[in-house]
Amino acid sequence: NTELTKVTIRDLLRLALRLNPKRIIMGEMRKGEAYDFLQCMNSGHPGSMSTIHARGAVDALQRLCDLVLESKLDIPYHAIQRSIANALSLVIYQEYDTTTGQREIKDVLRVKGWDEDTQKPITEFLYSKERTARGSVVHARPELVARTHTHEAVSAIG
């Protein structure tokens, strides 16, 4: 008689943390493992990455908060938001473009930290691309555009 033991993403994440990794790369966050992943990023594993389904970069912050709430722990909502603001550096939102059949980056949001006065995360859009009737309009910080063009030039050379 053979019984299979169910292994969850949360179990795998906890086991991986015992190996003392420098960073964690995790697939899509769907449930309570978001709490464990957030704890991992706030406790010495910077540079960790994961994916999450949302309608935009700002919505991804809210979605992450909702997923942490699904962990069924009694954590105040503002404490979860503060933890997220302190753990994340960037949120990159990509979207499937039905006209080209490819995914493209729509938003890059920098998370700078937590504002104690407003009780909200401090964020700044570094890049945003919106589709209009005439085509696409890109809003980007000048230093990001300069880095992008430099990267494209270097890529073209070699």
C-alpha atoms as a PDB file:
ATOM      1  CA  ASN A   1       0.000   0.000   0.000  1.00  0.00           C
ATOM      2  CA  THR A   2       1.586   3.230  -1.199  1.00  0.00           C
ATOM      3  CA  GLU A   3       0.381   6.627  -0.048  1.00  0.00           C
ATOM      4  CA  LEU A   4       1.501   9.814  -1.710  1.00  0.00           C
ATOM      5  CA  THR A   5       2.256  12.777   0.486  1.00  0.00           C
ATOM      6  CA  LYS A   6       1.022  16.133  -0.772  1.00  0.00           C
ATOM      7  CA  VAL A   7       3.848  18.658  -1.053  1.00  0.00           C
ATOM      8  CA  THR A   8       2.859  22.303  -1.371  1.00  0.00           C
ATOM      9  CA  ILE A   9       4.763  25.313  -2.671  1.00  0.00           C
ATOM     10  CA  ARG A  10       4.931  26.519   0.938  1.00  0.00           C
ATOM     11  CA  ASP A  11       6.644  23.237   1.928  1.00  0.00           C
ATOM     12  CA  LEU A  12       9.159  23.567  -0.916  1.00  0.00           C
ATOM     13  CA  LEU A  13       9.894  27.181  -0.054  1.00  0.00           C
ATOM     14  CA  ARG A  14      10.517  26.345   3.615  1.00  0.00           C
ATOM     15  CA  LEU A  15      12.799  23.455   2.629  1.00  0.00           C
ATOM     16  CA  ALA A  16      14.711  25.681   0.202  1.00  0.00           C
ATOM     17  CA  LEU A  17      15.272  28.276   2.933  1.00  0.00           C
ATOM     18  CA  ARG A  18      17.015  25.644   5.070  1.00  0.00           C
ATOM     19  CA  LEU A  19      19.719  25.476   2.398  1.00  0.00           C
ATOM     20  CA  ASN A  20      20.573  29.159   3.059  1.00  0.00           C
ATOM     21  CA  PRO A  21      20.214  30.406  -0.538  1.00  0.00           C
ATOM     22  CA  LYS A  22      21.253  33.899  -1.595  1.00  0.00           C
ATOM     23  CA  ARG A  23      17.978  34.355  -3.448  1.00  0.00           C
ATOM     24  CA  ILE A  24      14.789  32.478  -4.235  1.00  0.00           C
ATOM     25  CA  ILE A  25      13.190  32.254  -7.678  1.00  0.00           C
ATOM     26  CA  MET A  26       9.618  31.036  -7.331  1.00  0.00           C
ATOM     27  CA  GLY A  27       6.932  30.510  -9.950  1.00  0.00           C
ATOM     28  CA  GLU A  28       3.504  32.040  -9.669  1.00  0.00           C
ATOM     29  CA  MET A  29       2.192  32.991  -6.238  1.00  0.00           C
ATOM     30  CA  ARG A  30      -1.402  31.872  -5.848  1.00  0.00           C
ATOM     31  CA  LYS A  31      -2.191  31.467  -2.156  1.00  0.00           C
ATOM     32  CA  GLY A  32      -0.645  31.577   1.305  1.00  0.00           C
ATOM     33  CA  GLU A  33       2.882  30.956   0.026  1.00  0.00           C
ATOM     34  CA  ALA A  34       2.937  34.703  -0.650  1.00  0.00           C
ATOM     35  CA  TYR A  35       3.394  35.243   3.090  1.00  0.00           C
ATOM     36  CA  ASP A  36       6.355  32.864   3.239  1.00  0.00           C
ATOM     37  CA  PHE A  37       7.909  34.462   0.175  1.00  0.00           C
ATOM     38  CA  LEU A  38       7.461  37.936   1.649  1.00  0.00           C
ATOM     39  CA  GLN A  39       9.108  36.768   4.886  1.00  0.00           C
ATOM     40  CA  CYS A  40      11.987  35.345   2.885  1.00  0.00           C
ATOM     41  CA  MET A  41      12.562  38.675   1.086  1.00  0.00           C
ATOM     42  CA  ASN A  42      12.417  40.608   4.367  1.00  0.00           C
ATOM     43  CA  SER A  43      14.868  38.304   6.135  1.00  0.00           C
ATOM     44  CA  GLY A  44      18.043  38.331   4.116  1.00  0.00           C
ATOM     45  CA  HIS A  45      17.209  37.018   0.638  1.00  0.00           C
ATOM     46  CA  PRO A  46      17.206  40.183  -1.492  1.00  0.00           C
ATOM     47  CA  GLY A  47      16.970  39.751  -5.236  1.00  0.00           C
ATOM     48  CA  SER A  48      14.334  37.052  -4.954  1.00  0.00           C
ATOM     49  CA  MET A  49      11.704  36.947  -7.705  1.00  0.00           C
ATOM     50  CA  SER A  50       8.252  35.564  -8.336  1.00  0.00           C
ATOM     51  CA  THR A  51       5.268  36.102 -10.599  1.00  0.00           C
ATOM     52  CA  ILE A  52       1.715  37.098  -9.789  1.00  0.00           C
ATOM     53  CA  HIS A  53      -1.397  37.656 -11.892  1.00  0.00           C
ATOM     54  CA  ALA A  54      -2.739  41.230 -11.804  1.00  0.00           C
ATOM     55  CA  ARG A  55      -4.100  43.940 -14.108  1.00  0.00           C
ATOM     56  CA  GLY A  56      -1.129  46.251 -13.674  1.00  0.00           C
ATOM     57  CA  ALA A  57       1.885  47.028 -11.527  1.00  0.00           C
ATOM     58  CA  VAL A  58      -0.091  48.886  -8.857  1.00  0.00           C
ATOM     59  CA  ASP A  59      -2.742  46.139  -8.833  1.00  0.00           C
ATOM     60  CA  ALA A  60       0.027  43.589  -8.282  1.00  0.00           C
ATOM     61  CA  LEU A  61       0.846  45.229  -4.934  1.00  0.00           C
ATOM     62  CA  GLN A  62      -2.793  44.910  -3.868  1.00  0.00           C
ATOM     63  CA  ARG A  63      -3.007  41.340  -5.160  1.00  0.00           C
ATOM     64  CA  LEU A  64       0.094  40.364  -3.179  1.00  0.00           C
ATOM     65  CA  CYS A  65      -1.502  41.814  -0.049  1.00  0.00           C
ATOM     66  CA  ASP A  66      -4.676  39.794  -0.726  1.00  0.00           C
ATOM     67  CA  LEU A  67      -2.650  36.595  -1.175  1.00  0.00           C
ATOM     68  CA  VAL A  68      -0.837  37.156   2.125  1.00  0.00           C
ATOM     69  CA  LEU A  69      -4.237  37.516   3.791  1.00  0.00           C
ATOM     70  CA  GLU A  70      -5.120  34.065   2.381  1.00  0.00           C
ATOM     71  CA  SER A  71      -2.372  32.562   4.543  1.00  0.00           C
ATOM     72  CA  LYS A  72      -4.959  32.667   7.363  1.00  0.00           C
ATOM     73  CA  LEU A  73      -2.579  34.352   9.805  1.00  0.00           C
ATOM     74  CA  ASP A  74      -3.868  37.099  12.042  1.00  0.00           C
ATOM     75  CA  ILE A  75      -1.739  39.929  10.646  1.00  0.00           C
ATOM     76  CA  PRO A  76      -3.050  43.512  10.489  1.00  0.00           C
ATOM     77  CA  TYR A  77      -3.632  44.756   6.945  1.00  0.00           C
ATOM     78  CA  HIS A  78      -1.333  47.787   7.316  1.00  0.00           C
ATOM     79  CA  ALA A  79       1.459  45.525   8.608  1.00  0.00           C
ATOM     80  CA  ILE A  80       1.194  43.407   5.452  1.00  0.00           C
ATOM     81  CA  GLN A  81       1.304  46.522   3.272  1.00  0.00           C
ATOM     82  CA  ARG A  82       4.374  47.822   5.152  1.00  0.00           C
ATOM     83  CA  SER A  83       6.102  44.448   4.751  1.00  0.00           C
ATOM     84  CA  ILE A  84       5.421  44.466   1.010  1.00  0.00           C
ATOM     85  CA  ALA A  85       6.703  48.037   0.636  1.00  0.00           C
ATOM     86  CA  ASN A  86       9.910  47.140   2.478  1.00  0.00           C
ATOM     87  CA  ALA A  87      10.467  43.859   0.616  1.00  0.00           C
ATOM     88  CA  LEU A  88       9.921  44.891  -2.996  1.00  0.00           C
ATOM     89  CA  SER A  89      12.146  47.089  -5.124  1.00  0.00           C
ATOM     90  CA  LEU A  90      10.528  46.740  -8.543  1.00  0.00           C
ATOM     91  CA  VAL A  91       7.250  45.535  -9.972  1.00  0.00           C
ATOM     92  CA  ILE A  92       7.376  44.764 -13.689  1.00  0.00           C
ATOM     93  CA  TYR A  93       4.041  44.298 -15.442  1.00  0.00           C
ATOM     94  CA  GLN A  94       3.853  42.577 -18.782  1.00  0.00           C
ATOM     95  CA  GLU A  95       0.832  42.032 -20.978  1.00  0.00           C
ATOM     96  CA  TYR A  96      -0.006  39.894 -23.981  1.00  0.00           C
ATOM     97  CA  ASP A  97      -0.441  42.017 -27.109  1.00  0.00           C
ATOM     98  CA  THR A  98      -3.080  40.428 -29.341  1.00  0.00           C
ATOM     99  CA  THR A  99      -1.935  42.438 -32.377  1.00  0.00           C
ATOM    100  CA  THR A 100       1.659  41.185 -32.310  1.00  0.00           C
ATOM    101  CA  GLY A 101       1.103  37.900 -30.480  1.00  0.00           C
ATOM    102  CA  GLN A 102       3.892  38.722 -28.031  1.00  0.00           C
ATOM    103  CA  ARG A 103       4.194  39.752 -24.412  1.00  0.00           C
ATOM    104  CA  GLU A 104       5.496  43.250 -23.816  1.00  0.00           C
ATOM    105  CA  ILE A 105       6.444  45.235 -20.765  1.00  0.00           C
ATOM    106  CA  LYS A 106       3.763  47.806 -19.940  1.00  0.00           C
ATOM    107  CA  ASP A 107       4.861  49.158 -16.541  1.00  0.00           C
ATOM    108  CA  VAL A 108       7.958  49.284 -14.370  1.00  0.00           C
ATOM    109  CA  LEU A 109       7.140  50.508 -10.882  1.00  0.00           C
ATOM    110  CA  ARG A 110       9.822  51.290  -8.299  1.00  0.00           C
ATOM    111  CA  VAL A 111       8.797  50.665  -4.691  1.00  0.00           C
ATOM    112  CA  LYS A 112      10.784  53.051  -2.514  1.00  0.00           C
ATOM    113  CA  GLY A 113       9.443  52.117   0.906  1.00  0.00           C
ATOM    114  CA  TRP A 114       6.623  52.983   3.282  1.00  0.00           C
ATOM    115  CA  ASP A 115       5.224  56.433   4.097  1.00  0.00           C
ATOM    116  CA  GLU A 116       4.306  56.538   7.802  1.00  0.00           C
ATOM    117  CA  ASP A 117       2.187  59.682   7.370  1.00  0.00           C
ATOM    118  CA  THR A 118      -0.084  58.407   4.598  1.00  0.00           C
ATOM    119  CA  GLN A 119       0.204  54.715   5.558  1.00  0.00           C
ATOM    120  CA  LYS A 120       0.839  53.840   1.899  1.00  0.00           C
ATOM    121  CA  PRO A 121       3.770  52.514  -0.111  1.00  0.00           C
ATOM    122  CA  ILE A 122       5.976  55.104  -1.790  1.00  0.00           C
ATOM    123  CA  THR A 123       6.064  54.249  -5.491  1.00  0.00           C
ATOM    124  CA  GLU A 124       7.322  55.783  -8.717  1.00  0.00           C
ATOM    125  CA  PHE A 125       6.690  54.710 -12.303  1.00  0.00           C
ATOM    126  CA  LEU A 126       9.978  54.322 -14.141  1.00  0.00           C
ATOM    127  CA  TYR A 127       8.319  53.185 -17.356  1.00  0.00           C
ATOM    128  CA  SER A 128       4.775  53.018 -18.639  1.00  0.00           C
ATOM    129  CA  LYS A 129       3.499  52.119 -22.088  1.00  0.00           C
ATOM    130  CA  GLU A 130      -0.078  52.754 -23.118  1.00  0.00           C
ATOM    131  CA  ARG A 131      -1.843  51.960 -26.352  1.00  0.00           C
ATOM    132  CA  THR A 132      -3.695  54.798 -28.067  1.00  0.00           C
ATOM    133  CA  ALA A 133      -5.669  55.048 -31.319  1.00  0.00           C
ATOM    134  CA  ARG A 134      -2.516  56.287 -33.069  1.00  0.00           C
ATOM    135  CA  GLY A 135      -0.208  53.615 -31.665  1.00  0.00           C
ATOM    136  CA  SER A 136       1.781  53.284 -28.463  1.00  0.00           C
ATOM    137  CA  VAL A 137       2.897  56.078 -26.170  1.00  0.00           C
ATOM    138  CA  VAL A 138       5.818  55.433 -23.839  1.00  0.00           C
ATOM    139  CA  HIS A 139       6.359  57.407 -20.642  1.00  0.00           C
ATOM    140  CA  ALA A 140       9.804  56.782 -19.206  1.00  0.00           C
ATOM    141  CA  ARG A 141      12.263  58.482 -16.907  1.00  0.00           C
ATOM    142  CA  PRO A 142      15.133  59.979 -18.965  1.00  0.00           C
ATOM    143  CA  GLU A 143      17.836  57.945 -17.194  1.00  0.00           C
ATOM    144  CA  LEU A 144      15.937  54.717 -17.964  1.00  0.00           C
ATOM    145  CA  VAL A 145      15.643  55.639 -21.654  1.00  0.00           C
ATOM    146  CA  ALA A 146      19.382  56.387 -21.771  1.00  0.00           C
ATOM    147  CA  ARG A 147      20.201  52.982 -20.248  1.00  0.00           C
ATOM    148  CA  THR A 148      17.797  51.241 -22.647  1.00  0.00           C
ATOM    149  CA  HIS A 149      19.360  52.857 -25.715  1.00  0.00           C
ATOM    150  CA  THR A 150      22.861  52.074 -24.441  1.00  0.00           C
ATOM    151  CA  HIS A 151      21.866  48.429 -23.877  1.00  0.00           C
ATOM    152  CA  GLU A 152      20.355  48.196 -27.396  1.00  0.00           C
ATOM    153  CA  ALA A 153      23.505  49.730 -28.907  1.00  0.00           C
ATOM    154  CA  VAL A 154      25.746  47.289 -27.033  1.00  0.00           C
ATOM    155  CA  SER A 155      23.509  44.385 -28.055  1.00  0.00           C
ATOM    156  CA  ALA A 156      23.672  45.445 -31.702  1.00  0.00           C
ATOM    157  CA  ILE A 157      27.478  45.538 -31.625  1.00  0.00           C
ATOM    158  CA  GLY A 158      28.019  42.140 -30.277  1.00  0.00           C
END
